Amino acid sequence: MDILKLIFAGLNVVFGLVALVAPKRLADAVGLGTENPVGIAEIRNGWGGIYLAMGVGLIVLQNPAAYAIVGMGYAGMGLTRLVQMALFPILRTPTQAGIVVFEAITAIVLVLL
């Protein structure tokens, strides 16, 4: 199952790179505002920097504890997203549903496999 974990680590790298290179496109896809340079910088920092660093870290370290910690982060994001979707009907979109499924799968792969 190590290859599966490496694939998901690689997906983190890809997502981070996309956030660095095309923050506006990514933000538009999930409904975030990018009206000013600060918003774009935050997407690059908060998504680009952290996802890229997590993915590279997982690939370099290949440590079960590191995979578990990142996986638990995905579990936390997914659970939070589910609660928000339950509370706010406007968030019940195919995009949000797809994201929560991806977060759940990533958490399962990184924590349990």
PDB file of N, CA and C in Angstrom:
ATOM      1  N   MET A   1       0.802  -1.204   0.000  1.00  0.00           N
ATOM      2  CA  MET A   1       0.000   0.000   0.000  1.00  0.00           C
ATOM      3  C   MET A   1       0.843   1.266   0.000  1.00  0.00           C
ATOM      4  N   ASP A   2       2.147   1.107   0.133  1.00  0.00           N
ATOM      5  CA  ASP A   2       3.014   2.284   0.120  1.00  0.00           C
ATOM      6  C   ASP A   2       2.893   3.057  -1.184  1.00  0.00           C
ATOM      7  N   ILE A   3       2.714   2.365  -2.289  1.00  0.00           N
ATOM      8  CA  ILE A   3       2.592   3.053  -3.575  1.00  0.00           C
ATOM      9  C   ILE A   3       1.339   3.926  -3.596  1.00  0.00           C
ATOM     10  N   LEU A   4       0.256   3.451  -2.992  1.00  0.00           N
ATOM     11  CA  LEU A   4      -0.979   4.233  -2.919  1.00  0.00           C
ATOM     12  C   LEU A   4      -0.758   5.500  -2.085  1.00  0.00           C
ATOM     13  N   LYS A   5      -0.036   5.355  -0.989  1.00  0.00           N
ATOM     14  CA  LYS A   5       0.266   6.525  -0.160  1.00  0.00           C
ATOM     15  C   LYS A   5       1.126   7.520  -0.930  1.00  0.00           C
ATOM     16  N   LEU A   6       2.082   7.022  -1.696  1.00  0.00           N
ATOM     17  CA  LEU A   6       2.928   7.907  -2.498  1.00  0.00           C
ATOM     18  C   LEU A   6       2.117   8.623  -3.578  1.00  0.00           C
ATOM     19  N   ILE A   7       1.144   7.930  -4.135  1.00  0.00           N
ATOM     20  CA  ILE A   7       0.269   8.567  -5.131  1.00  0.00           C
ATOM     21  C   ILE A   7      -0.483   9.728  -4.491  1.00  0.00           C
ATOM     22  N   PHE A   8      -1.036   9.517  -3.296  1.00  0.00           N
ATOM     23  CA  PHE A   8      -1.777  10.586  -2.631  1.00  0.00           C
ATOM     24  C   PHE A   8      -0.844  11.704  -2.170  1.00  0.00           C
ATOM     25  N   ALA A   9       0.387  11.368  -1.807  1.00  0.00           N
ATOM     26  CA  ALA A   9       1.376  12.402  -1.499  1.00  0.00           C
ATOM     27  C   ALA A   9       1.644  13.227  -2.755  1.00  0.00           C
ATOM     28  N   GLY A  10       1.758  12.552  -3.886  1.00  0.00           N
ATOM     29  CA  GLY A  10       1.965  13.238  -5.156  1.00  0.00           C
ATOM     30  C   GLY A  10       0.801  14.149  -5.515  1.00  0.00           C
ATOM     31  N   LEU A  11      -0.415  13.727  -5.197  1.00  0.00           N
ATOM     32  CA  LEU A  11      -1.584  14.575  -5.453  1.00  0.00           C
ATOM     33  C   LEU A  11      -1.511  15.860  -4.634  1.00  0.00           C
ATOM     34  N   ASN A  12      -0.967  15.762  -3.422  1.00  0.00           N
ATOM     35  CA  ASN A  12      -0.757  16.964  -2.615  1.00  0.00           C
ATOM     36  C   ASN A  12       0.212  17.912  -3.309  1.00  0.00           C
ATOM     37  N   VAL A  13       1.271  17.352  -3.863  1.00  0.00           N
ATOM     38  CA  VAL A  13       2.254  18.167  -4.580  1.00  0.00           C
ATOM     39  C   VAL A  13       1.596  18.848  -5.771  1.00  0.00           C
ATOM     40  N   VAL A  14       0.830  18.091  -6.539  1.00  0.00           N
ATOM     41  CA  VAL A  14       0.162  18.653  -7.722  1.00  0.00           C
ATOM     42  C   VAL A  14      -0.798  19.764  -7.310  1.00  0.00           C
ATOM     43  N   PHE A  15      -1.611  19.521  -6.293  1.00  0.00           N
ATOM     44  CA  PHE A  15      -2.559  20.536  -5.832  1.00  0.00           C
ATOM     45  C   PHE A  15      -1.817  21.785  -5.375  1.00  0.00           C
ATOM     46  N   GLY A  16      -0.729  21.594  -4.632  1.00  0.00           N
ATOM     47  CA  GLY A  16       0.068  22.732  -4.175  1.00  0.00           C
ATOM     48  C   GLY A  16       0.631  23.535  -5.332  1.00  0.00           C
ATOM     49  N   LEU A  17       1.127  22.844  -6.345  1.00  0.00           N
ATOM     50  CA  LEU A  17       1.672  23.538  -7.521  1.00  0.00           C
ATOM     51  C   LEU A  17       0.592  24.307  -8.269  1.00  0.00           C
ATOM     52  N   VAL A  18      -0.585  23.706  -8.399  1.00  0.00           N
ATOM     53  CA  VAL A  18      -1.696  24.395  -9.067  1.00  0.00           C
ATOM     54  C   VAL A  18      -2.066  25.658  -8.285  1.00  0.00           C
ATOM     55  N   ALA A  19      -2.108  25.545  -6.967  1.00  0.00           N
ATOM     56  CA  ALA A  19      -2.444  26.711  -6.141  1.00  0.00           C
ATOM     57  C   ALA A  19      -1.390  27.809  -6.273  1.00  0.00           C
ATOM     58  N   LEU A  20      -0.139  27.425  -6.435  1.00  0.00           N
ATOM     59  CA  LEU A  20       0.925  28.422  -6.607  1.00  0.00           C
ATOM     60  C   LEU A  20       0.860  29.092  -7.972  1.00  0.00           C
ATOM     61  N   VAL A  21       0.608  28.296  -9.002  1.00  0.00           N
ATOM     62  CA  VAL A  21       0.669  28.790 -10.380  1.00  0.00           C
ATOM     63  C   VAL A  21      -0.638  29.440 -10.824  1.00  0.00           C
ATOM     64  N   ALA A  22      -1.766  28.868 -10.416  1.00  0.00           N
ATOM     65  CA  ALA A  22      -3.069  29.370 -10.881  1.00  0.00           C
ATOM     66  C   ALA A  22      -4.035  29.568  -9.712  1.00  0.00           C
ATOM     67  N   PRO A  23      -3.694  30.443  -8.767  1.00  0.00           N
ATOM     68  CA  PRO A  23      -4.550  30.596  -7.581  1.00  0.00           C
ATOM     69  C   PRO A  23      -5.952  31.108  -7.904  1.00  0.00           C
ATOM     70  N   LYS A  24      -6.066  31.990  -8.875  1.00  0.00           N
ATOM     71  CA  LYS A  24      -7.389  32.543  -9.202  1.00  0.00           C
ATOM     72  C   LYS A  24      -8.310  31.467  -9.767  1.00  0.00           C
ATOM     73  N   ARG A  25      -7.785  30.656 -10.639  1.00  0.00           N
ATOM     74  CA  ARG A  25      -8.592  29.588 -11.240  1.00  0.00           C
ATOM     75  C   ARG A  25      -9.075  28.607 -10.162  1.00  0.00           C
ATOM     76  N   LEU A  26      -8.183  28.249  -9.263  1.00  0.00           N
ATOM     77  CA  LEU A  26      -8.536  27.332  -8.177  1.00  0.00           C
ATOM     78  C   LEU A  26      -9.562  27.972  -7.244  1.00  0.00           C
ATOM     79  N   ALA A  27      -9.347  29.233  -6.903  1.00  0.00           N
ATOM     80  CA  ALA A  27     -10.277  29.937  -6.015  1.00  0.00           C
ATOM     81  C   ALA A  27     -11.655  30.047  -6.645  1.00  0.00           C
ATOM     82  N   ASP A  28     -11.698  30.357  -7.926  1.00  0.00           N
ATOM     83  CA  ASP A  28     -12.986  30.453  -8.622  1.00  0.00           C
ATOM     84  C   ASP A  28     -13.725  29.113  -8.596  1.00  0.00           C
ATOM     85  N   ALA A  29     -12.992  28.027  -8.696  1.00  0.00           N
ATOM     86  CA  ALA A  29     -13.610  26.696  -8.715  1.00  0.00           C
ATOM     87  C   ALA A  29     -14.317  26.378  -7.404  1.00  0.00           C
ATOM     88  N   VAL A  30     -13.827  26.927  -6.297  1.00  0.00           N
ATOM     89  CA  VAL A  30     -14.452  26.637  -5.001  1.00  0.00           C
ATOM     90  C   VAL A  30     -15.195  27.830  -4.409  1.00  0.00           C
ATOM     91  N   GLY A  31     -15.274  28.919  -5.166  1.00  0.00           N
ATOM     92  CA  GLY A  31     -16.073  30.056  -4.737  1.00  0.00           C
ATOM     93  C   GLY A  31     -15.389  31.029  -3.805  1.00  0.00           C
ATOM     94  N   LEU A  32     -14.074  31.091  -3.826  1.00  0.00           N
ATOM     95  CA  LEU A  32     -13.359  32.067  -2.995  1.00  0.00           C
ATOM     96  C   LEU A  32     -13.113  33.342  -3.774  1.00  0.00           C
ATOM     97  N   GLY A  33     -13.023  34.460  -3.053  1.00  0.00           N
ATOM     98  CA  GLY A  33     -12.777  35.732  -3.699  1.00  0.00           C
ATOM     99  C   GLY A  33     -11.292  35.980  -3.937  1.00  0.00           C
ATOM    100  N   THR A  34     -10.997  36.558  -5.067  1.00  0.00           N
ATOM    101  CA  THR A  34      -9.616  36.930  -5.384  1.00  0.00           C
ATOM    102  C   THR A  34      -9.588  38.352  -5.944  1.00  0.00           C
ATOM    103  N   GLU A  35     -10.377  39.223  -5.328  1.00  0.00           N
ATOM    104  CA  GLU A  35     -10.494  40.584  -5.835  1.00  0.00           C
ATOM    105  C   GLU A  35      -9.249  41.418  -5.590  1.00  0.00           C
ATOM    106  N   ASN A  36      -8.410  41.000  -4.655  1.00  0.00           N
ATOM    107  CA  ASN A  36      -7.207  41.779  -4.375  1.00  0.00           C
ATOM    108  C   ASN A  36      -5.992  40.862  -4.235  1.00  0.00           C
ATOM    109  N   PRO A  37      -4.821  41.430  -4.321  1.00  0.00           N
ATOM    110  CA  PRO A  37      -3.589  40.622  -4.252  1.00  0.00           C
ATOM    111  C   PRO A  37      -3.425  39.848  -2.943  1.00  0.00           C
ATOM    112  N   VAL A  38      -4.003  40.355  -1.867  1.00  0.00           N
ATOM    113  CA  VAL A  38      -3.890  39.654  -0.584  1.00  0.00           C
ATOM    114  C   VAL A  38      -4.610  38.309  -0.643  1.00  0.00           C
ATOM    115  N   GLY A  39      -5.791  38.280  -1.255  1.00  0.00           N
ATOM    116  CA  GLY A  39      -6.528  37.025  -1.390  1.00  0.00           C
ATOM    117  C   GLY A  39      -5.769  36.016  -2.229  1.00  0.00           C
ATOM    118  N   ILE A  40      -5.192  36.476  -3.311  1.00  0.00           N
ATOM    119  CA  ILE A  40      -4.407  35.588  -4.172  1.00  0.00           C
ATOM    120  C   ILE A  40      -3.184  35.077  -3.421  1.00  0.00           C
ATOM    121  N   ALA A  41      -2.520  35.961  -2.685  1.00  0.00           N
ATOM    122  CA  ALA A  41      -1.346  35.547  -1.908  1.00  0.00           C
ATOM    123  C   ALA A  41      -1.723  34.512  -0.854  1.00  0.00           C
ATOM    124  N   GLU A  42      -2.874  34.695  -0.227  1.00  0.00           N
ATOM    125  CA  GLU A  42      -3.300  33.734   0.796  1.00  0.00           C
ATOM    126  C   GLU A  42      -3.581  32.360   0.197  1.00  0.00           C
ATOM    127  N   ILE A  43      -4.127  32.324  -0.995  1.00  0.00           N
ATOM    128  CA  ILE A  43      -4.354  31.030  -1.654  1.00  0.00           C
ATOM    129  C   ILE A  43      -3.019  30.376  -1.972  1.00  0.00           C
ATOM    130  N   ARG A  44      -2.083  31.167  -2.474  1.00  0.00           N
ATOM    131  CA  ARG A  44      -0.748  30.618  -2.738  1.00  0.00           C
ATOM    132  C   ARG A  44      -0.103  30.114  -1.457  1.00  0.00           C
ATOM    133  N   ASN A  45      -0.211  30.891  -0.379  1.00  0.00           N
ATOM    134  CA  ASN A  45       0.403  30.504   0.890  1.00  0.00           C
ATOM    135  C   ASN A  45      -0.324  29.336   1.550  1.00  0.00           C
ATOM    136  N   GLY A  46      -1.622  29.540   1.747  1.00  0.00           N
ATOM    137  CA  GLY A  46      -2.410  28.577   2.507  1.00  0.00           C
ATOM    138  C   GLY A  46      -2.648  27.266   1.805  1.00  0.00           C
ATOM    139  N   TRP A  47      -2.761  27.302   0.487  1.00  0.00           N
ATOM    140  CA  TRP A  47      -2.959  26.058  -0.254  1.00  0.00           C
ATOM    141  C   TRP A  47      -1.683  25.630  -0.937  1.00  0.00           C
ATOM    142  N   GLY A  48      -1.109  26.544  -1.696  1.00  0.00           N
ATOM    143  CA  GLY A  48       0.090  26.189  -2.455  1.00  0.00           C
ATOM    144  C   GLY A  48       1.229  25.750  -1.555  1.00  0.00           C
ATOM    145  N   GLY A  49       1.597  26.613  -0.640  1.00  0.00           N
ATOM    146  CA  GLY A  49       2.739  26.314   0.220  1.00  0.00           C
ATOM    147  C   GLY A  49       2.549  25.097   1.096  1.00  0.00           C
ATOM    148  N   ILE A  50       1.410  25.019   1.755  1.00  0.00           N
ATOM    149  CA  ILE A  50       1.230  23.921   2.705  1.00  0.00           C
ATOM    150  C   ILE A  50       1.021  22.580   2.015  1.00  0.00           C
ATOM    151  N   TYR A  51       0.238  22.536   0.949  1.00  0.00           N
ATOM    152  CA  TYR A  51       0.017  21.256   0.275  1.00  0.00           C
ATOM    153  C   TYR A  51       1.278  20.773  -0.417  1.00  0.00           C
ATOM    154  N   LEU A  52       2.013  21.689  -1.006  1.00  0.00           N
ATOM    155  CA  LEU A  52       3.274  21.321  -1.638  1.00  0.00           C
ATOM    156  C   LEU A  52       4.248  20.789  -0.588  1.00  0.00           C
ATOM    157  N   ALA A  53       4.373  21.485   0.519  1.00  0.00           N
ATOM    158  CA  ALA A  53       5.285  21.041   1.580  1.00  0.00           C
ATOM    159  C   ALA A  53       4.845  19.704   2.183  1.00  0.00           C
ATOM    160  N   MET A  54       3.544  19.527   2.393  1.00  0.00           N
ATOM    161  CA  MET A  54       3.067  18.246   2.935  1.00  0.00           C
ATOM    162  C   MET A  54       3.372  17.103   1.981  1.00  0.00           C
ATOM    163  N   GLY A  55       3.077  17.297   0.710  1.00  0.00           N
ATOM    164  CA  GLY A  55       3.312  16.244  -0.268  1.00  0.00           C
ATOM    165  C   GLY A  55       4.776  15.885  -0.379  1.00  0.00           C
ATOM    166  N   VAL A  56       5.631  16.897  -0.502  1.00  0.00           N
ATOM    167  CA  VAL A  56       7.070  16.641  -0.593  1.00  0.00           C
ATOM    168  C   VAL A  56       7.565  15.988   0.695  1.00  0.00           C
ATOM    169  N   GLY A  57       7.090  16.476   1.826  1.00  0.00           N
ATOM    170  CA  GLY A  57       7.482  15.889   3.109  1.00  0.00           C
ATOM    171  C   GLY A  57       7.120  14.415   3.204  1.00  0.00           C
ATOM    172  N   LEU A  58       5.923  14.066   2.771  1.00  0.00           N
ATOM    173  CA  LEU A  58       5.511  12.662   2.798  1.00  0.00           C
ATOM    174  C   LEU A  58       6.385  11.812   1.885  1.00  0.00           C
ATOM    175  N   ILE A  59       6.678  12.333   0.705  1.00  0.00           N
ATOM    176  CA  ILE A  59       7.502  11.578  -0.247  1.00  0.00           C
ATOM    177  C   ILE A  59       8.915  11.395   0.286  1.00  0.00           C
ATOM    178  N   VAL A  60       9.476  12.437   0.868  1.00  0.00           N
ATOM    179  CA  VAL A  60      10.851  12.367   1.376  1.00  0.00           C
ATOM    180  C   VAL A  60      10.933  11.505   2.635  1.00  0.00           C
ATOM    181  N   LEU A  61      10.029  11.727   3.581  1.00  0.00           N
ATOM    182  CA  LEU A  61      10.092  11.019   4.864  1.00  0.00           C
ATOM    183  C   LEU A  61       9.607   9.573   4.772  1.00  0.00           C
ATOM    184  N   GLN A  62       8.533   9.349   4.029  1.00  0.00           N
ATOM    185  CA  GLN A  62       7.902   8.029   3.950  1.00  0.00           C
ATOM    186  C   GLN A  62       7.799   7.383   5.333  1.00  0.00           C
ATOM    187  N   ASN A  63       7.260   8.170   6.251  1.00  0.00           N
ATOM    188  CA  ASN A  63       7.139   7.765   7.640  1.00  0.00           C
ATOM    189  C   ASN A  63       5.668   7.521   7.965  1.00  0.00           C
ATOM    190  N   PRO A  64       5.337   6.368   8.559  1.00  0.00           N
ATOM    191  CA  PRO A  64       3.931   6.073   8.871  1.00  0.00           C
ATOM    192  C   PRO A  64       3.259   7.153   9.726  1.00  0.00           C
ATOM    193  N   ALA A  65       3.994   7.721  10.672  1.00  0.00           N
ATOM    194  CA  ALA A  65       3.399   8.763  11.517  1.00  0.00           C
ATOM    195  C   ALA A  65       3.096  10.017  10.702  1.00  0.00           C
ATOM    196  N   ALA A  66       3.967  10.368   9.770  1.00  0.00           N
ATOM    197  CA  ALA A  66       3.730  11.539   8.926  1.00  0.00           C
ATOM    198  C   ALA A  66       2.492  11.323   8.061  1.00  0.00           C
ATOM    199  N   TYR A  67       2.381  10.144   7.465  1.00  0.00           N
ATOM    200  CA  TYR A  67       1.182   9.841   6.668  1.00  0.00           C
ATOM    201  C   TYR A  67      -0.071   9.940   7.528  1.00  0.00           C
ATOM    202  N   ALA A  68      -0.005   9.412   8.748  1.00  0.00           N
ATOM    203  CA  ALA A  68      -1.170   9.429   9.632  1.00  0.00           C
ATOM    204  C   ALA A  68      -1.566  10.851  10.008  1.00  0.00           C
ATOM    205  N   ILE A  69      -0.594  11.688  10.296  1.00  0.00           N
ATOM    206  CA  ILE A  69      -0.899  13.070  10.681  1.00  0.00           C
ATOM    207  C   ILE A  69      -1.564  13.821   9.527  1.00  0.00           C
ATOM    208  N   VAL A  70      -1.011  13.712   8.332  1.00  0.00           N
ATOM    209  CA  VAL A  70      -1.612  14.386   7.179  1.00  0.00           C
ATOM    210  C   VAL A  70      -2.998  13.804   6.916  1.00  0.00           C
ATOM    211  N   GLY A  71      -3.134  12.491   7.035  1.00  0.00           N
ATOM    212  CA  GLY A  71      -4.440  11.856   6.846  1.00  0.00           C
ATOM    213  C   GLY A  71      -5.465  12.336   7.848  1.00  0.00           C
ATOM    214  N   MET A  72      -5.042  12.526   9.100  1.00  0.00           N
ATOM    215  CA  MET A  72      -5.963  13.049  10.115  1.00  0.00           C
ATOM    216  C   MET A  72      -6.363  14.482   9.792  1.00  0.00           C
ATOM    217  N   GLY A  73      -5.455  15.232   9.208  1.00  0.00           N
ATOM    218  CA  GLY A  73      -5.809  16.575   8.756  1.00  0.00           C
ATOM    219  C   GLY A  73      -6.897  16.536   7.707  1.00  0.00           C
ATOM    220  N   TYR A  74      -6.764  15.600   6.770  1.00  0.00           N
ATOM    221  CA  TYR A  74      -7.810  15.437   5.748  1.00  0.00           C
ATOM    222  C   TYR A  74      -9.126  14.998   6.381  1.00  0.00           C
ATOM    223  N   ALA A  75      -9.059  14.126   7.373  1.00  0.00           N
ATOM    224  CA  ALA A  75     -10.286  13.692   8.060  1.00  0.00           C
ATOM    225  C   ALA A  75     -10.957  14.888   8.728  1.00  0.00           C
ATOM    226  N   GLY A  76     -10.157  15.734   9.363  1.00  0.00           N
ATOM    227  CA  GLY A  76     -10.702  16.933  10.002  1.00  0.00           C
ATOM    228  C   GLY A  76     -11.343  17.877   8.998  1.00  0.00           C
ATOM    229  N   MET A  77     -10.676  18.069   7.857  1.00  0.00           N
ATOM    230  CA  MET A  77     -11.255  18.934   6.825  1.00  0.00           C
ATOM    231  C   MET A  77     -12.568  18.352   6.315  1.00  0.00           C
ATOM    232  N   GLY A  78     -12.588  17.052   6.069  1.00  0.00           N
ATOM    233  CA  GLY A  78     -13.789  16.415   5.539  1.00  0.00           C
ATOM    234  C   GLY A  78     -14.954  16.482   6.511  1.00  0.00           C
ATOM    235  N   LEU A  79     -14.680  16.208   7.792  1.00  0.00           N
ATOM    236  CA  LEU A  79     -15.748  16.274   8.791  1.00  0.00           C
ATOM    237  C   LEU A  79     -16.277  17.694   8.947  1.00  0.00           C
ATOM    238  N   THR A  80     -15.380  18.658   8.952  1.00  0.00           N
ATOM    239  CA  THR A  80     -15.800  20.057   9.043  1.00  0.00           C
ATOM    240  C   THR A  80     -16.639  20.448   7.837  1.00  0.00           C
ATOM    241  N   ARG A  81     -16.215  20.006   6.666  1.00  0.00           N
ATOM    242  CA  ARG A  81     -16.963  20.309   5.443  1.00  0.00           C
ATOM    243  C   ARG A  81     -18.362  19.690   5.507  1.00  0.00           C
ATOM    244  N   LEU A  82     -18.468  18.444   5.993  1.00  0.00           N
ATOM    245  CA  LEU A  82     -19.784  17.794   6.114  1.00  0.00           C
ATOM    246  C   LEU A  82     -20.703  18.562   7.050  1.00  0.00           C
ATOM    247  N   VAL A  83     -20.176  19.010   8.177  1.00  0.00           N
ATOM    248  CA  VAL A  83     -20.983  19.777   9.126  1.00  0.00           C
ATOM    249  C   VAL A  83     -21.465  21.070   8.475  1.00  0.00           C
ATOM    250  N   GLN A  84     -20.560  21.757   7.780  1.00  0.00           N
ATOM    251  CA  GLN A  84     -20.953  23.005   7.126  1.00  0.00           C
ATOM    252  C   GLN A  84     -21.993  22.765   6.038  1.00  0.00           C
ATOM    253  N   MET A  85     -21.842  21.670   5.309  1.00  0.00           N
ATOM    254  CA  MET A  85     -22.831  21.337   4.277  1.00  0.00           C
ATOM    255  C   MET A  85     -24.191  21.052   4.901  1.00  0.00           C
ATOM    256  N   ALA A  86     -24.184  20.442   6.084  1.00  0.00           N
ATOM    257  CA  ALA A  86     -25.451  20.166   6.769  1.00  0.00           C
ATOM    258  C   ALA A  86     -26.097  21.458   7.272  1.00  0.00           C
ATOM    259  N   LEU A  87     -25.279  22.389   7.733  1.00  0.00           N
ATOM    260  CA  LEU A  87     -25.801  23.632   8.307  1.00  0.00           C
ATOM    261  C   LEU A  87     -26.183  24.679   7.260  1.00  0.00           C
ATOM    262  N   PHE A  88     -25.474  24.686   6.150  1.00  0.00           N
ATOM    263  CA  PHE A  88     -25.661  25.731   5.140  1.00  0.00           C
ATOM    264  C   PHE A  88     -25.972  25.104   3.789  1.00  0.00           C
ATOM    265  N   PRO A  89     -27.254  25.062   3.419  1.00  0.00           N
ATOM    266  CA  PRO A  89     -27.655  24.422   2.157  1.00  0.00           C
ATOM    267  C   PRO A  89     -26.929  24.954   0.919  1.00  0.00           C
ATOM    268  N   ILE A  90     -26.514  26.210   0.950  1.00  0.00           N
ATOM    269  CA  ILE A  90     -25.829  26.778  -0.210  1.00  0.00           C
ATOM    270  C   ILE A  90     -24.517  26.036  -0.506  1.00  0.00           C
ATOM    271  N   LEU A  91     -23.971  25.361   0.492  1.00  0.00           N
ATOM    272  CA  LEU A  91     -22.717  24.622   0.320  1.00  0.00           C
ATOM    273  C   LEU A  91     -22.920  23.218  -0.241  1.00  0.00           C
ATOM    274  N   ARG A  92     -24.146  22.812  -0.409  1.00  0.00           N
ATOM    275  CA  ARG A  92     -24.425  21.465  -0.929  1.00  0.00           C
ATOM    276  C   ARG A  92     -24.345  21.474  -2.450  1.00  0.00           C
ATOM    277  N   THR A  93     -23.125  21.517  -2.953  1.00  0.00           N
ATOM    278  CA  THR A  93     -22.886  21.554  -4.398  1.00  0.00           C
ATOM    279  C   THR A  93     -22.108  20.312  -4.817  1.00  0.00           C
ATOM    280  N   PRO A  94     -22.151  19.981  -6.083  1.00  0.00           N
ATOM    281  CA  PRO A  94     -21.353  18.854  -6.559  1.00  0.00           C
ATOM    282  C   PRO A  94     -19.852  19.039  -6.290  1.00  0.00           C
ATOM    283  N   THR A  95     -19.377  20.268  -6.383  1.00  0.00           N
ATOM    284  CA  THR A  95     -17.959  20.522  -6.106  1.00  0.00           C
ATOM    285  C   THR A  95     -17.628  20.197  -4.658  1.00  0.00           C
ATOM    286  N   GLN A  96     -18.438  20.695  -3.728  1.00  0.00           N
ATOM    287  CA  GLN A  96     -18.199  20.425  -2.310  1.00  0.00           C
ATOM    288  C   GLN A  96     -18.325  18.933  -1.997  1.00  0.00           C
ATOM    289  N   ALA A  97     -19.288  18.274  -2.599  1.00  0.00           N
ATOM    290  CA  ALA A  97     -19.449  16.833  -2.397  1.00  0.00           C
ATOM    291  C   ALA A  97     -18.225  16.074  -2.912  1.00  0.00           C
ATOM    292  N   GLY A  98     -17.736  16.467  -4.070  1.00  0.00           N
ATOM    293  CA  GLY A  98     -16.541  15.826  -4.617  1.00  0.00           C
ATOM    294  C   GLY A  98     -15.332  16.031  -3.731  1.00  0.00           C
ATOM    295  N   ILE A  99     -15.202  17.242  -3.190  1.00  0.00           N
ATOM    296  CA  ILE A  99     -14.074  17.526  -2.304  1.00  0.00           C
ATOM    297  C   ILE A  99     -14.149  16.671  -1.048  1.00  0.00           C
ATOM    298  N   VAL A 100     -15.330  16.558  -0.458  1.00  0.00           N
ATOM    299  CA  VAL A 100     -15.449  15.775   0.779  1.00  0.00           C
ATOM    300  C   VAL A 100     -15.177  14.293   0.515  1.00  0.00           C
ATOM    301  N   VAL A 101     -15.567  13.793  -0.633  1.00  0.00           N
ATOM    302  CA  VAL A 101     -15.254  12.402  -0.983  1.00  0.00           C
ATOM    303  C   VAL A 101     -13.738  12.230  -1.124  1.00  0.00           C
ATOM    304  N   PHE A 102     -13.092  13.167  -1.805  1.00  0.00           N
ATOM    305  CA  PHE A 102     -11.637  13.098  -1.948  1.00  0.00           C
ATOM    306  C   PHE A 102     -10.953  13.161  -0.581  1.00  0.00           C
ATOM    307  N   GLU A 103     -11.430  14.049   0.296  1.00  0.00           N
ATOM    308  CA  GLU A 103     -10.838  14.161   1.628  1.00  0.00           C
ATOM    309  C   GLU A 103     -11.007  12.865   2.419  1.00  0.00           C
ATOM    310  N   ALA A 104     -12.164  12.244   2.297  1.00  0.00           N
ATOM    311  CA  ALA A 104     -12.405  10.980   3.002  1.00  0.00           C
ATOM    312  C   ALA A 104     -11.507   9.872   2.477  1.00  0.00           C
ATOM    313  N   ILE A 105     -11.402   9.760   1.169  1.00  0.00           N
ATOM    314  CA  ILE A 105     -10.551   8.725   0.576  1.00  0.00           C
ATOM    315  C   ILE A 105      -9.094   8.952   0.970  1.00  0.00           C
ATOM    316  N   THR A 106      -8.657  10.202   0.913  1.00  0.00           N
ATOM    317  CA  THR A 106      -7.275  10.508   1.276  1.00  0.00           C
ATOM    318  C   THR A 106      -7.016  10.158   2.739  1.00  0.00           C
ATOM    319  N   ALA A 107      -7.941  10.504   3.612  1.00  0.00           N
ATOM    320  CA  ALA A 107      -7.782  10.176   5.039  1.00  0.00           C
ATOM    321  C   ALA A 107      -7.694   8.666   5.242  1.00  0.00           C
ATOM    322  N   ILE A 108      -8.552   7.921   4.584  1.00  0.00           N
ATOM    323  CA  ILE A 108      -8.537   6.461   4.717  1.00  0.00           C
ATOM    324  C   ILE A 108      -7.210   5.885   4.240  1.00  0.00           C
ATOM    325  N   VAL A 109      -6.761   6.332   3.069  1.00  0.00           N
ATOM    326  CA  VAL A 109      -5.505   5.804   2.508  1.00  0.00           C
ATOM    327  C   VAL A 109      -4.332   6.138   3.424  1.00  0.00           C
ATOM    328  N   LEU A 110      -4.239   7.381   3.869  1.00  0.00           N
ATOM    329  CA  LEU A 110      -3.067   7.791   4.632  1.00  0.00           C
ATOM    330  C   LEU A 110      -3.070   7.305   6.077  1.00  0.00           C
ATOM    331  N   VAL A 111      -4.240   7.127   6.666  1.00  0.00           N
ATOM    332  CA  VAL A 111      -4.309   6.698   8.065  1.00  0.00           C
ATOM    333  C   VAL A 111      -4.442   5.190   8.215  1.00  0.00           C
ATOM    334  N   LEU A 112      -5.293   4.583   7.422  1.00  0.00           N
ATOM    335  CA  LEU A 112      -5.644   3.180   7.665  1.00  0.00           C
ATOM    336  C   LEU A 112      -4.888   2.161   6.822  1.00  0.00           C
ATOM    337  N   LEU A 113      -4.365   2.552   5.683  1.00  0.00           N
ATOM    338  CA  LEU A 113      -3.705   1.569   4.820  1.00  0.00           C
ATOM    339  C   LEU A 113      -2.214   1.524   5.034  1.00  0.00           C
TER     340      LEU A 113
END
